[in-house]
Protein backbone atom coordinates (compact mmCIF):
# COMPACT_ATOMS: atom_id res chain seq x y z
CA MET A 1 -42.68 60.96 44.94
CA ASN A 2 -44.16 64.44 45.15
CA ALA A 3 -40.96 66.10 43.90
CA GLY A 4 -41.62 64.92 40.34
CA ARG A 5 -38.27 63.14 40.09
CA GLU A 6 -37.70 59.77 38.48
CA GLN A 7 -34.60 59.16 40.62
CA VAL A 8 -33.00 60.71 43.70
CA ALA A 9 -30.75 63.69 42.99
CA VAL A 10 -27.79 62.35 45.00
CA PRO A 11 -26.53 58.84 45.78
CA SER A 12 -28.77 57.52 48.56
CA THR A 13 -29.26 54.28 50.45
CA VAL A 14 -31.74 52.70 52.86
CA HIS A 15 -30.56 50.46 55.70
CA CYS A 16 -32.82 48.13 57.69
CA ASP A 17 -30.65 47.46 60.73
CA HIS A 18 -32.64 49.50 63.27
CA LEU A 19 -35.66 47.19 63.02
CA ILE A 20 -33.68 44.15 64.19
CA GLN A 21 -33.79 43.52 67.93
CA ALA A 22 -30.82 41.69 69.43
CA TYR A 23 -32.31 38.90 71.48
CA LYS A 24 -31.24 35.34 70.68
CA GLY A 25 -28.44 35.62 68.14
CA ALA A 26 -27.80 37.08 64.70
CA LYS A 27 -29.39 34.33 62.61
CA GLU A 28 -32.55 33.97 64.70
CA ASP A 29 -32.95 37.71 65.29
CA VAL A 30 -32.69 38.56 61.58
CA ALA A 31 -35.20 35.82 60.74
CA THR A 32 -37.64 37.13 63.39
CA ALA A 33 -37.24 40.74 62.21
CA THR A 34 -37.67 39.72 58.57
CA LYS A 35 -40.97 38.03 59.38
CA THR A 36 -42.22 40.69 61.82
CA ASN A 37 -41.32 43.64 59.58
CA GLU A 38 -41.93 42.00 56.20
CA GLU A 39 -44.38 44.66 55.01
CA VAL A 40 -42.02 47.51 55.99
CA TYR A 41 -39.01 45.84 54.35
CA ASN A 42 -40.97 45.16 51.17
CA PHE A 43 -42.12 48.78 51.01
CA LEU A 44 -38.59 50.11 51.56
CA ARG A 45 -37.15 47.71 48.98
CA ASP A 46 -39.78 48.60 46.36
CA VAL A 47 -39.50 52.37 46.85
CA SER A 48 -35.70 52.12 46.79
CA SER A 49 -35.83 50.18 43.54
CA ARG A 50 -38.30 52.63 41.98
CA TYR A 51 -36.25 55.76 42.77
CA GLY A 52 -32.70 54.45 42.31
CA ILE A 53 -31.90 54.20 46.01
CA GLY A 54 -29.50 51.52 47.24
CA PHE A 55 -31.15 49.01 49.57
CA TRP A 56 -29.34 47.12 52.31
CA GLN A 57 -31.30 44.01 53.32
CA PRO A 58 -31.99 43.24 56.98
CA GLY A 59 -28.83 41.77 58.48
CA ALA A 60 -26.51 43.43 55.93
CA GLY A 61 -24.75 45.41 58.64
CA ILE A 62 -25.23 47.98 61.36
CA ILE A 63 -25.28 51.44 59.80
CA HIS A 64 -22.87 52.81 62.43
CA GLN A 65 -20.12 50.55 61.03
CA VAL A 66 -21.37 50.38 57.43
CA VAL A 67 -20.91 54.16 57.13
CA LEU A 68 -17.25 53.86 58.10
CA GLU A 69 -16.51 50.81 55.94
CA ASN A 70 -18.44 51.74 52.80
CA TYR A 71 -19.13 55.47 52.58
CA ALA A 72 -16.64 57.57 54.54
CA PHE A 73 -13.60 58.98 52.74
CA PRO A 74 -11.38 62.04 53.19
CA GLY A 75 -12.83 65.16 51.57
CA GLY A 76 -16.33 63.75 51.06
CA MET A 77 -19.65 65.06 52.32
CA MET A 78 -22.44 62.95 53.75
CA VAL A 79 -25.88 63.78 55.07
CA GLY A 80 -27.49 60.92 56.99
CA THR A 81 -30.45 60.29 59.26
CA ASP A 82 -28.59 58.16 61.78
CA SER A 83 -27.28 59.86 64.90
CA HIS A 84 -23.90 58.20 64.31
CA THR A 85 -23.46 59.79 60.86
CA PRO A 86 -20.95 62.36 62.24
CA ASN A 87 -18.60 59.47 63.12
CA ALA A 88 -17.55 59.50 59.45
CA GLY A 89 -15.93 62.85 60.21
CA GLY A 90 -13.19 60.85 61.91
CA LEU A 91 -12.13 59.70 58.44
CA GLY A 92 -11.85 63.25 57.15
CA MET A 93 -15.23 63.99 55.63
CA VAL A 94 -18.00 66.41 56.47
CA ALA A 95 -20.69 64.10 57.85
CA ILE A 96 -23.90 65.63 59.18
CA GLY A 97 -26.76 63.88 60.97
CA VAL A 98 -30.17 65.33 60.10
CA GLY A 99 -33.87 64.58 60.47
CA GLY A 100 -35.92 62.85 57.81
CA ALA A 101 -37.34 66.04 56.28
CA ASP A 102 -33.86 67.49 55.75
CA ALA A 103 -32.69 64.21 54.23
CA VAL A 104 -35.61 64.29 51.78
CA ASP A 105 -34.66 67.84 50.78
CA VAL A 106 -31.15 66.63 49.96
CA MET A 107 -32.39 63.52 48.12
CA THR A 108 -34.72 65.59 45.94
CA GLY A 109 -32.05 68.15 45.08
CA MET A 110 -33.56 71.04 46.98
CA GLU A 111 -31.25 73.62 48.47
CA TRP A 112 -30.28 72.69 51.98
CA GLU A 113 -29.02 75.25 54.45
CA LEU A 114 -26.85 74.72 57.47
CA LYS A 115 -26.05 77.70 59.67
CA MET A 116 -22.44 77.95 60.73
CA PRO A 117 -22.26 78.47 64.49
CA ARG A 118 -20.21 81.29 65.93
CA LEU A 119 -17.01 79.86 67.36
CA ILE A 120 -15.33 80.26 70.71
CA GLY A 121 -11.71 79.13 70.74
CA VAL A 122 -10.36 77.54 73.90
CA ARG A 123 -6.64 78.06 74.54
CA LEU A 124 -5.28 75.17 76.57
CA THR A 125 -2.30 75.62 78.89
CA GLY A 126 -0.57 73.41 81.43
CA LYS A 127 -0.39 69.62 81.41
CA LEU A 128 -2.77 66.77 82.13
CA ASN A 129 -1.99 64.93 85.36
CA GLY A 130 -3.13 61.86 87.22
CA TRP A 131 -6.00 60.09 85.58
CA ALA A 132 -7.12 63.14 83.60
CA ALA A 133 -7.74 62.52 79.90
CA PRO A 134 -8.37 64.88 76.98
CA LYS A 135 -12.05 63.99 77.09
CA ASP A 136 -12.23 65.21 80.71
CA VAL A 137 -11.03 68.65 79.61
CA ILE A 138 -13.55 68.83 76.78
CA LEU A 139 -16.44 67.63 78.99
CA CYS A 140 -15.52 70.14 81.70
CA HIS A 141 -15.58 72.99 79.20
CA TYR A 142 -18.83 71.71 77.76
CA ARG A 143 -20.41 71.66 81.23
CA ILE A 144 -19.26 75.21 81.88
CA PHE A 145 -20.47 76.38 78.50
CA ARG A 146 -23.74 74.42 78.33
CA PHE A 147 -24.99 74.84 81.87
CA GLY A 148 -24.05 78.47 82.35
CA TYR A 149 -21.31 78.40 84.92
CA CYS A 150 -19.78 81.40 83.19
CA PHE A 151 -22.09 82.39 80.31
CA THR A 152 -25.71 83.43 80.14
CA PHE A 153 -28.02 81.41 77.87
CA SER A 154 -28.46 84.21 75.35
CA TYR A 155 -24.67 84.44 74.99
CA ARG A 156 -24.21 80.68 74.45
CA LYS A 157 -26.95 80.18 71.88
CA GLY A 158 -25.58 79.48 68.42
CA TYR A 159 -21.97 79.03 69.55
CA ASP A 160 -19.59 76.11 69.19
CA LEU A 161 -16.53 75.45 71.35
CA GLN A 162 -13.32 74.70 69.45
CA HIS A 163 -10.42 73.17 71.40
CA GLY A 164 -6.90 72.73 70.21
CA CYS A 165 -4.78 75.82 70.50
CA GLY A 166 -2.19 76.54 73.14
CA SER A 167 0.64 74.59 74.71
CA GLY A 168 -1.77 72.49 76.80
CA SER A 169 -3.00 70.70 73.70
CA TYR A 170 0.42 69.07 73.21
CA ASP A 171 -0.44 66.58 75.97
CA PHE A 172 -3.47 65.30 74.10
CA SER A 173 -3.09 61.87 72.53
CA PHE A 174 -5.49 62.64 69.67
CA PRO A 175 -5.73 65.58 67.28
CA LEU A 176 -8.22 68.27 68.21
């Protein structure tokens, strides 16, 4: 509105699933949410129509799954305001979850900056045994890294752990 644009600069959509409370069943819950949130839905629909934004009606699908089924594709890039947006990365795209202000910057065509964290590679050796799973290894390293069992806070800030090199990664049942 204040950006002076007639339409959004990039393909954008609005989804109304987070205002629906699961209580009695899909049909009744959508009807209740539609009545309770009528003013909000009408506003979102009207603004979406005015600025060329796709609008998903209440009950059209949960964004966590809609992203995977309708938007994610290998090699694409997505910026979304849902915390599950990065799940689309599992289908080979760069998918970044951001706050509303950052999303507005993208929608209005403003430059948007994302700092690349410094990386720490983790070389894995040995084999998993017993009930150990790849996620256990990653969570253990995260705990060490995040809570300072071997690094000071100033050293950890702005870093990202990258797993997946070394002979120990051959035991993992998913790609790292």
